C-alpha cells in the first residue's frame, strides 16, 4: 500500500508540474500574441498613412504641375498626336 501511495504521489507531482508549466507557457504565448496584435495595429495605421501619402504624391494635377514647371514639358498640339489602335500593334 505504501508503494502505491508513493507512486501515486510522484504521478501527482509530475502532473502538477506539467499543469504549472503549460499554464506558464500559455500565459507567455498570450502575452506575445497581444504584443503582435498591437504591432499589427501600428502597421495597419502606418500602411493607411502611406497609402494616403502615395495618393497625394500621385495626384494628376501635382504631376502635371511638376511636368510643366520643373521639366518645362507641355501638351503637344493636336496635329502631333497619333492614335494607334491595339489591332495595329499585334500585327
PDB file of N, CA and C in Angstrom:
ATOM      1  N   UNK A   1       0.814  -1.190   0.000  1.00  0.00           N
ATOM      2  CA  UNK A   1       0.000   0.000   0.000  1.00  0.00           C
ATOM      3  C   UNK A   1       0.869   1.269   0.000  1.00  0.00           C
ATOM      4  N   UNK A   2       1.943   1.250   0.746  1.00  0.00           N
ATOM      5  CA  UNK A   2       2.828   2.405   0.805  1.00  0.00           C
ATOM      6  C   UNK A   2       3.494   2.653  -0.531  1.00  0.00           C
ATOM      7  N   UNK A   3       3.841   1.585  -1.205  1.00  0.00           N
ATOM      8  CA  UNK A   3       4.484   1.716  -2.516  1.00  0.00           C
ATOM      9  C   UNK A   3       3.499   2.348  -3.506  1.00  0.00           C
ATOM     10  N   UNK A   4       2.263   1.946  -3.497  1.00  0.00           N
ATOM     11  CA  UNK A   4       1.227   2.508  -4.371  1.00  0.00           C
ATOM     12  C   UNK A   4       1.024   3.991  -4.056  1.00  0.00           C
ATOM     13  N   UNK A   5       1.017   4.336  -2.782  1.00  0.00           N
ATOM     14  CA  UNK A   5       0.866   5.740  -2.392  1.00  0.00           C
ATOM     15  C   UNK A   5       2.043   6.578  -2.895  1.00  0.00           C
ATOM     16  N   UNK A   6       3.242   6.058  -2.795  1.00  0.00           N
ATOM     17  CA  UNK A   6       4.416   6.785  -3.294  1.00  0.00           C
ATOM     18  C   UNK A   6       4.356   6.980  -4.804  1.00  0.00           C
ATOM     19  N   UNK A   7       3.969   5.939  -5.499  1.00  0.00           N
ATOM     20  CA  UNK A   7       3.853   6.043  -6.968  1.00  0.00           C
ATOM     21  C   UNK A   7       2.800   7.085  -7.333  1.00  0.00           C
ATOM     22  N   UNK A   8       1.641   7.009  -6.671  1.00  0.00           N
ATOM     23  CA  UNK A   8       0.585   7.991  -6.959  1.00  0.00           C
ATOM     24  C   UNK A   8       1.019   9.404  -6.571  1.00  0.00           C
ATOM     25  N   UNK A   9       1.771   9.541  -5.491  1.00  0.00           N
ATOM     26  CA  UNK A   9       2.276  10.848  -5.079  1.00  0.00           C
ATOM     27  C   UNK A   9       3.205  11.439  -6.134  1.00  0.00           C
ATOM     28  N   UNK A  10       4.125  10.614  -6.652  1.00  0.00           N
ATOM     29  CA  UNK A  10       5.043  11.097  -7.690  1.00  0.00           C
ATOM     30  C   UNK A  10       4.313  11.407  -8.998  1.00  0.00           C
ATOM     31  N   UNK A  11       3.308  10.608  -9.315  1.00  0.00           N
ATOM     32  CA  UNK A  11       2.485  10.898 -10.504  1.00  0.00           C
ATOM     33  C   UNK A  11       1.765  12.232 -10.305  1.00  0.00           C
ATOM     34  N   UNK A  12       1.227  12.433  -9.101  1.00  0.00           N
ATOM     35  CA  UNK A  12       0.542  13.688  -8.803  1.00  0.00           C
ATOM     36  C   UNK A  12       1.499  14.877  -8.918  1.00  0.00           C
ATOM     37  N   UNK A  13       2.705  14.747  -8.421  1.00  0.00           N
ATOM     38  CA  UNK A  13       3.719  15.812  -8.517  1.00  0.00           C
ATOM     39  C   UNK A  13       4.046  16.097  -9.976  1.00  0.00           C
ATOM     40  N   UNK A  14       4.248  15.055 -10.771  1.00  0.00           N
ATOM     41  CA  UNK A  14       4.584  15.242 -12.197  1.00  0.00           C
ATOM     42  C   UNK A  14       3.442  15.913 -12.946  1.00  0.00           C
ATOM     43  N   UNK A  15       2.222  15.490 -12.690  1.00  0.00           N
ATOM     44  CA  UNK A  15       1.063  16.102 -13.358  1.00  0.00           C
ATOM     45  C   UNK A  15       0.931  17.560 -12.933  1.00  0.00           C
ATOM     46  N   UNK A  16       1.146  17.840 -11.654  1.00  0.00           N
ATOM     47  CA  UNK A  16       1.066  19.225 -11.168  1.00  0.00           C
ATOM     48  C   UNK A  16       2.119  20.103 -11.828  1.00  0.00           C
ATOM     49  N   UNK A  17       3.332  19.585 -11.939  1.00  0.00           N
ATOM     50  CA  UNK A  17       4.388  20.342 -12.624  1.00  0.00           C
ATOM     51  C   UNK A  17       4.039  20.554 -14.096  1.00  0.00           C
ATOM     52  N   UNK A  18       3.436  19.562 -14.717  1.00  0.00           N
ATOM     53  CA  UNK A  18       3.017  19.709 -16.113  1.00  0.00           C
ATOM     54  C   UNK A  18       1.955  20.784 -16.278  1.00  0.00           C
ATOM     55  N   UNK A  19       1.011  20.829 -15.344  1.00  0.00           N
ATOM     56  CA  UNK A  19      -0.048  21.848 -15.402  1.00  0.00           C
ATOM     57  C   UNK A  19       0.554  23.241 -15.218  1.00  0.00           C
ATOM     58  N   UNK A  20       1.440  23.383 -14.242  1.00  0.00           N
ATOM     59  CA  UNK A  20       2.067  24.688 -13.994  1.00  0.00           C
ATOM     60  C   UNK A  20       2.879  25.122 -15.207  1.00  0.00           C
ATOM     61  N   UNK A  21       3.634  24.190 -15.776  1.00  0.00           N
ATOM     62  CA  UNK A  21       4.453  24.515 -16.954  1.00  0.00           C
ATOM     63  C   UNK A  21       3.579  24.919 -18.139  1.00  0.00           C
ATOM     64  N   UNK A  22       2.493  24.184 -18.370  1.00  0.00           N
ATOM     65  CA  UNK A  22       1.635  24.506 -19.513  1.00  0.00           C
ATOM     66  C   UNK A  22       0.912  25.837 -19.315  1.00  0.00           C
ATOM     67  N   UNK A  23       0.508  26.135 -18.079  1.00  0.00           N
ATOM     68  CA  UNK A  23      -0.125  27.432 -17.810  1.00  0.00           C
ATOM     69  C   UNK A  23       0.861  28.578 -18.021  1.00  0.00           C
ATOM     70  N   UNK A  24       2.080  28.393 -17.594  1.00  0.00           N
ATOM     71  CA  UNK A  24       3.101  29.421 -17.785  1.00  0.00           C
ATOM     72  C   UNK A  24       3.369  29.648 -19.268  1.00  0.00           C
ATOM     73  N   UNK A  25       3.457  28.551 -20.006  1.00  0.00           N
ATOM     74  CA  UNK A  25       3.697  28.682 -21.450  1.00  0.00           C
ATOM     75  C   UNK A  25       2.513  29.353 -22.135  1.00  0.00           C
ATOM     76  N   UNK A  26       1.292  28.995 -21.726  1.00  0.00           N
ATOM     77  CA  UNK A  26       0.099  29.620 -22.304  1.00  0.00           C
ATOM     78  C   UNK A  26       0.073  31.111 -21.998  1.00  0.00           C
ATOM     79  N   UNK A  27       0.457  31.491 -20.787  1.00  0.00           N
ATOM     80  CA  UNK A  27       0.499  32.900 -20.395  1.00  0.00           C
ATOM     81  C   UNK A  27       1.516  33.666 -21.238  1.00  0.00           C
ATOM     82  N   UNK A  28       2.684  33.072 -21.435  1.00  0.00           N
ATOM     83  CA  UNK A  28       3.711  33.724 -22.257  1.00  0.00           C
ATOM     84  C   UNK A  28       3.251  33.866 -23.703  1.00  0.00           C
ATOM     85  N   UNK A  29       2.623  32.821 -24.236  1.00  0.00           N
ATOM     86  CA  UNK A  29       2.137  32.883 -25.621  1.00  0.00           C
ATOM     87  C   UNK A  29       1.030  33.922 -25.772  1.00  0.00           C
ATOM     88  N   UNK A  30       0.151  34.035 -24.762  1.00  0.00           N
ATOM     89  CA  UNK A  30      -0.906  35.036 -24.821  1.00  0.00           C
ATOM     90  C   UNK A  30      -0.316  36.445 -24.806  1.00  0.00           C
ATOM     91  N   UNK A  31       0.694  36.653 -23.972  1.00  0.00           N
ATOM     92  CA  UNK A  31       1.365  37.956 -23.919  1.00  0.00           C
ATOM     93  C   UNK A  31       2.007  38.278 -25.262  1.00  0.00           C
ATOM     94  N   UNK A  32       2.653  37.289 -25.855  1.00  0.00           N
ATOM     95  CA  UNK A  32       3.279  37.504 -27.172  1.00  0.00           C
ATOM     96  C   UNK A  32       2.226  37.783 -28.237  1.00  0.00           C
ATOM     97  N   UNK A  33       1.101  37.077 -28.182  1.00  0.00           N
ATOM     98  CA  UNK A  33       0.010  37.329 -29.126  1.00  0.00           C
ATOM     99  C   UNK A  33      -0.505  38.754 -28.983  1.00  0.00           C
ATOM    100  N   UNK A  34      -0.655  39.213 -27.755  1.00  0.00           N
ATOM    101  CA  UNK A  34      -1.120  40.571 -27.515  1.00  0.00           C
ATOM    102  C   UNK A  34      -0.146  41.598 -28.091  1.00  0.00           C
ATOM    103  N   UNK A  35       1.148  41.361 -27.900  1.00  0.00           N
ATOM    104  CA  UNK A  35       2.158  42.266 -28.464  1.00  0.00           C
ATOM    105  C   UNK A  35       2.095  42.281 -29.987  1.00  0.00           C
ATOM    106  N   UNK A  36       1.939  41.109 -30.592  1.00  0.00           N
ATOM    107  CA  UNK A  36       1.882  41.039 -32.053  1.00  0.00           C
ATOM    108  C   UNK A  36       0.630  41.719 -32.594  1.00  0.00           C
ATOM    109  N   UNK A  37      -0.476  41.628 -31.864  1.00  0.00           N
ATOM    110  CA  UNK A  37      -1.692  42.311 -32.303  1.00  0.00           C
ATOM    111  C   UNK A  37      -1.526  43.826 -32.228  1.00  0.00           C
ATOM    112  N   UNK A  38      -0.864  44.311 -31.196  1.00  0.00           N
ATOM    113  CA  UNK A  38      -0.585  45.745 -31.093  1.00  0.00           C
ATOM    114  C   UNK A  38       0.316  46.205 -32.240  1.00  0.00           C
ATOM    115  N   UNK A  39       1.315  45.398 -32.546  1.00  0.00           N
ATOM    116  CA  UNK A  39       2.217  45.722 -33.651  1.00  0.00           C
ATOM    117  C   UNK A  39       1.462  45.731 -34.981  1.00  0.00           C
ATOM    118  N   UNK A  40       0.545  44.786 -35.144  1.00  0.00           N
ATOM    119  CA  UNK A  40      -0.257  44.739 -36.375  1.00  0.00           C
ATOM    120  C   UNK A  40      -1.124  45.987 -36.508  1.00  0.00           C
ATOM    121  N   UNK A  41      -1.683  46.464 -35.397  1.00  0.00           N
ATOM    122  CA  UNK A  41      -2.482  47.693 -35.435  1.00  0.00           C
ATOM    123  C   UNK A  41      -1.622  48.887 -35.859  1.00  0.00           C
ATOM    124  N   UNK A  42      -0.406  48.958 -35.319  1.00  0.00           N
ATOM    125  CA  UNK A  42       0.501  50.050 -35.695  1.00  0.00           C
ATOM    126  C   UNK A  42       0.849  49.982 -37.171  1.00  0.00           C
ATOM    127  N   UNK A  43       1.114  48.764 -37.666  1.00  0.00           N
ATOM    128  CA  UNK A  43       1.440  48.611 -39.085  1.00  0.00           C
ATOM    129  C   UNK A  43       0.244  48.960 -39.972  1.00  0.00           C
ATOM    130  N   UNK A  44      -0.959  48.612 -39.541  1.00  0.00           N
ATOM    131  CA  UNK A  44      -2.149  48.979 -40.320  1.00  0.00           C
ATOM    132  C   UNK A  44      -2.305  50.493 -40.399  1.00  0.00           C
ATOM    133  N   UNK A  45      -2.053  51.156 -39.276  1.00  0.00           N
ATOM    134  CA  UNK A  45      -2.147  52.617 -39.260  1.00  0.00           C
ATOM    135  C   UNK A  45      -1.096  53.238 -40.176  1.00  0.00           C
ATOM    136  N   UNK A  46       0.129  52.740 -40.083  1.00  0.00           N
ATOM    137  CA  UNK A  46       1.203  53.263 -40.927  1.00  0.00           C
ATOM    138  C   UNK A  46       0.921  52.991 -42.405  1.00  0.00           C
ATOM    139  N   UNK A  47       0.365  51.811 -42.706  1.00  0.00           N
ATOM    140  CA  UNK A  47       0.040  51.478 -44.090  1.00  0.00           C
ATOM    141  C   UNK A  47      -1.023  52.428 -44.638  1.00  0.00           C
ATOM    142  N   UNK A  48      -2.019  52.735 -43.825  1.00  0.00           N
ATOM    143  CA  UNK A  48      -3.054  53.685 -44.250  1.00  0.00           C
ATOM    144  C   UNK A  48      -2.465  55.065 -44.513  1.00  0.00           C
ATOM    145  N   UNK A  49      -1.557  55.489 -43.642  1.00  0.00           N
ATOM    146  CA  UNK A  49      -0.919  56.795 -43.836  1.00  0.00           C
ATOM    147  C   UNK A  49      -0.063  56.808 -45.104  1.00  0.00           C
ATOM    148  N   UNK A  50       0.641  55.707 -45.357  1.00  0.00           N
ATOM    149  CA  UNK A  50       1.468  55.639 -46.564  1.00  0.00           C
ATOM    150  C   UNK A  50       0.613  55.621 -47.831  1.00  0.00           C
ATOM    151  N   UNK A  51      -0.530  54.942 -47.776  1.00  0.00           N
ATOM    152  CA  UNK A  51      -1.423  54.951 -48.941  1.00  0.00           C
ATOM    153  C   UNK A  51      -1.939  56.359 -49.207  1.00  0.00           C
ATOM    154  N   UNK A  52      -2.285  57.061 -48.136  1.00  0.00           N
ATOM    155  CA  UNK A  52      -2.757  58.440 -48.290  1.00  0.00           C
ATOM    156  C   UNK A  52      -1.665  59.321 -48.877  1.00  0.00           C
ATOM    157  N   UNK A  53      -0.448  59.146 -48.382  1.00  0.00           N
ATOM    158  CA  UNK A  53       0.675  59.928 -48.890  1.00  0.00           C
ATOM    159  C   UNK A  53       0.946  59.601 -50.357  1.00  0.00           C
ATOM    160  N   UNK A  54       0.867  58.322 -50.698  1.00  0.00           N
ATOM    161  CA  UNK A  54       1.100  57.930 -52.093  1.00  0.00           C
ATOM    162  C   UNK A  54       0.045  58.533 -53.012  1.00  0.00           C
ATOM    163  N   UNK A  55      -1.211  58.507 -52.581  1.00  0.00           N
ATOM    164  CA  UNK A  55      -2.258  59.074 -53.429  1.00  0.00           C
ATOM    165  C   UNK A  55      -2.075  60.581 -53.584  1.00  0.00           C
ATOM    166  N   UNK A  56      -1.552  61.234 -52.546  1.00  0.00           N
ATOM    167  CA  UNK A  56      -1.299  62.674 -52.637  1.00  0.00           C
ATOM    168  C   UNK A  56      -0.170  62.956 -53.626  1.00  0.00           C
ATOM    169  N   UNK A  57       0.924  62.189 -53.526  1.00  0.00           N
ATOM    170  CA  UNK A  57       2.060  62.409 -54.427  1.00  0.00           C
ATOM    171  C   UNK A  57       1.718  62.053 -55.871  1.00  0.00           C
ATOM    172  N   UNK A  58       0.801  61.142 -56.072  1.00  0.00           N
ATOM    173  CA  UNK A  58       0.498  60.684 -57.429  1.00  0.00           C
ATOM    174  C   UNK A  58      -0.705  61.392 -58.055  1.00  0.00           C
ATOM    175  N   UNK A  59      -1.173  62.451 -57.431  1.00  0.00           N
ATOM    176  CA  UNK A  59      -2.329  63.170 -57.993  1.00  0.00           C
ATOM    177  C   UNK A  59      -1.970  63.721 -59.374  1.00  0.00           C
ATOM    178  N   UNK A  60      -2.915  63.612 -60.281  1.00  0.00           N
ATOM    179  CA  UNK A  60      -2.688  64.042 -61.661  1.00  0.00           C
ATOM    180  C   UNK A  60      -2.319  65.522 -61.733  1.00  0.00           C
ATOM    181  N   UNK A  61      -2.996  66.334 -60.950  1.00  0.00           N
ATOM    182  CA  UNK A  61      -2.722  67.782 -61.004  1.00  0.00           C
ATOM    183  C   UNK A  61      -1.301  68.094 -60.522  1.00  0.00           C
ATOM    184  N   UNK A  62      -0.833  67.382 -59.499  1.00  0.00           N
ATOM    185  CA  UNK A  62       0.520  67.608 -58.990  1.00  0.00           C
ATOM    186  C   UNK A  62       1.562  67.196 -60.029  1.00  0.00           C
ATOM    187  N   UNK A  63       1.347  66.040 -60.656  1.00  0.00           N
ATOM    188  CA  UNK A  63       2.294  65.557 -61.668  1.00  0.00           C
ATOM    189  C   UNK A  63       2.324  66.512 -62.864  1.00  0.00           C
ATOM    190  N   UNK A  64       1.145  66.979 -63.253  1.00  0.00           N
ATOM    191  CA  UNK A  64       1.089  67.911 -64.381  1.00  0.00           C
ATOM    192  C   UNK A  64       1.797  69.224 -64.039  1.00  0.00           C
ATOM    193  N   UNK A  65       1.622  69.685 -62.818  1.00  0.00           N
ATOM    194  CA  UNK A  65       2.294  70.918 -62.396  1.00  0.00           C
ATOM    195  C   UNK A  65       3.812  70.740 -62.387  1.00  0.00           C
ATOM    196  N   UNK A  66       4.295  69.616 -61.870  1.00  0.00           N
ATOM    197  CA  UNK A  66       5.736  69.364 -61.869  1.00  0.00           C
ATOM    198  C   UNK A  66       6.287  69.255 -63.289  1.00  0.00           C
ATOM    199  N   UNK A  67       5.532  68.600 -64.150  1.00  0.00           N
ATOM    200  CA  UNK A  67       5.993  68.446 -65.535  1.00  0.00           C
ATOM    201  C   UNK A  67       6.097  69.794 -66.236  1.00  0.00           C
ATOM    202  N   UNK A  68       5.138  70.673 -65.982  1.00  0.00           N
ATOM    203  CA  UNK A  68       5.179  71.974 -66.663  1.00  0.00           C
ATOM    204  C   UNK A  68       6.205  72.923 -66.069  1.00  0.00           C
ATOM    205  N   UNK A  69       6.291  72.953 -64.749  1.00  0.00           N
ATOM    206  CA  UNK A  69       7.184  73.937 -64.121  1.00  0.00           C
ATOM    207  C   UNK A  69       8.643  73.477 -64.083  1.00  0.00           C
ATOM    208  N   UNK A  70       8.876  72.277 -63.583  1.00  0.00           N
ATOM    209  CA  UNK A  70      10.260  71.842 -63.406  1.00  0.00           C
ATOM    210  C   UNK A  70      10.890  71.297 -64.682  1.00  0.00           C
ATOM    211  N   UNK A  71      10.119  70.633 -65.498  1.00  0.00           N
ATOM    212  CA  UNK A  71      10.698  69.986 -66.674  1.00  0.00           C
ATOM    213  C   UNK A  71      10.365  70.719 -67.966  1.00  0.00           C
ATOM    214  N   UNK A  72       9.655  71.820 -67.840  1.00  0.00           N
ATOM    215  CA  UNK A  72       9.247  72.610 -68.997  1.00  0.00           C
ATOM    216  C   UNK A  72       8.557  71.748 -70.073  1.00  0.00           C
ATOM    217  N   UNK A  73       7.758  70.811 -69.661  1.00  0.00           N
ATOM    218  CA  UNK A  73       7.017  69.971 -70.607  1.00  0.00           C
ATOM    219  C   UNK A  73       5.705  70.680 -70.943  1.00  0.00           C
ATOM    220  N   UNK A  74       5.167  70.365 -72.095  1.00  0.00           N
ATOM    221  CA  UNK A  74       3.889  70.927 -72.487  1.00  0.00           C
ATOM    222  C   UNK A  74       3.105  69.907 -73.299  1.00  0.00           C
ATOM    223  N   UNK A  75       1.816  70.092 -73.328  1.00  0.00           N
ATOM    224  CA  UNK A  75       0.941  69.176 -74.066  1.00  0.00           C
ATOM    225  C   UNK A  75       1.172  69.392 -75.556  1.00  0.00           C
ATOM    226  N   UNK A  76       1.363  68.327 -76.340  1.00  0.00           N
ATOM    227  CA  UNK A  76       1.601  68.504 -77.777  1.00  0.00           C
ATOM    228  C   UNK A  76       0.355  69.001 -78.503  1.00  0.00           C
ATOM    229  N   UNK A  77       0.586  69.621 -79.649  1.00  0.00           N
ATOM    230  CA  UNK A  77      -0.532  70.081 -80.472  1.00  0.00           C
ATOM    231  C   UNK A  77      -1.341  68.887 -80.950  1.00  0.00           C
ATOM    232  N   UNK A  78      -2.580  69.152 -81.300  1.00  0.00           N
ATOM    233  CA  UNK A  78      -3.462  68.074 -81.772  1.00  0.00           C
ATOM    234  C   UNK A  78      -2.930  67.468 -83.064  1.00  0.00           C
ATOM    235  N   UNK A  79      -2.199  68.257 -83.863  1.00  0.00           N
ATOM    236  CA  UNK A  79      -1.644  67.759 -85.133  1.00  0.00           C
ATOM    237  C   UNK A  79      -0.556  66.719 -84.881  1.00  0.00           C
ATOM    238  N   UNK A  80       0.127  66.817 -83.768  1.00  0.00           N
ATOM    239  CA  UNK A  80       1.264  65.925 -83.496  1.00  0.00           C
ATOM    240  C   UNK A  80       0.865  64.649 -82.743  1.00  0.00           C
ATOM    241  N   UNK A  81      -0.399  64.529 -82.350  1.00  0.00           N
ATOM    242  CA  UNK A  81      -0.855  63.359 -81.604  1.00  0.00           C
ATOM    243  C   UNK A  81      -1.297  62.273 -82.578  1.00  0.00           C
ATOM    244  N   UNK A  82      -0.799  61.087 -82.387  1.00  0.00           N
ATOM    245  CA  UNK A  82      -1.196  59.947 -83.218  1.00  0.00           C
ATOM    246  C   UNK A  82      -1.835  58.898 -82.318  1.00  0.00           C
ATOM    247  N   UNK A  83      -2.979  58.392 -82.771  1.00  0.00           N
ATOM    248  CA  UNK A  83      -3.677  57.354 -82.016  1.00  0.00           C
ATOM    249  C   UNK A  83      -3.407  56.027 -82.706  1.00  0.00           C
ATOM    250  N   UNK A  84      -2.902  55.078 -81.973  1.00  0.00           N
ATOM    251  CA  UNK A  84      -2.585  53.760 -82.524  1.00  0.00           C
ATOM    252  C   UNK A  84      -3.537  52.758 -81.901  1.00  0.00           C
ATOM    253  N   UNK A  85      -4.231  52.018 -82.756  1.00  0.00           N
ATOM    254  CA  UNK A  85      -5.172  51.034 -82.220  1.00  0.00           C
ATOM    255  C   UNK A  85      -4.423  49.771 -81.794  1.00  0.00           C
ATOM    256  N   UNK A  86      -5.045  48.998 -80.980  1.00  0.00           N
ATOM    257  CA  UNK A  86      -4.437  47.790 -80.444  1.00  0.00           C
ATOM    258  C   UNK A  86      -4.247  46.741 -81.543  1.00  0.00           C
ATOM    259  N   UNK A  87      -5.113  46.739 -82.542  1.00  0.00           N
ATOM    260  CA  UNK A  87      -5.013  45.777 -83.648  1.00  0.00           C
ATOM    261  C   UNK A  87      -3.732  45.995 -84.451  1.00  0.00           C
ATOM    262  N   UNK A  88      -3.349  47.218 -84.639  1.00  0.00           N
ATOM    263  CA  UNK A  88      -2.136  47.515 -85.415  1.00  0.00           C
ATOM    264  C   UNK A  88      -0.885  47.071 -84.665  1.00  0.00           C
ATOM    265  N   UNK A  89      -0.919  47.067 -83.364  1.00  0.00           N
ATOM    266  CA  UNK A  89       0.251  46.708 -82.588  1.00  0.00           C
ATOM    267  C   UNK A  89       0.472  45.188 -82.564  1.00  0.00           C
ATOM    268  N   UNK A  90      -0.576  44.406 -82.703  1.00  0.00           N
ATOM    269  CA  UNK A  90      -0.429  42.942 -82.623  1.00  0.00           C
ATOM    270  C   UNK A  90      -0.033  42.335 -83.960  1.00  0.00           C
ATOM    271  N   UNK A  91      -0.050  43.062 -85.005  1.00  0.00           N
ATOM    272  CA  UNK A  91       0.297  42.503 -86.323  1.00  0.00           C
ATOM    273  C   UNK A  91       1.776  42.296 -86.469  1.00  0.00           C
TER     274      UNK A  91
END
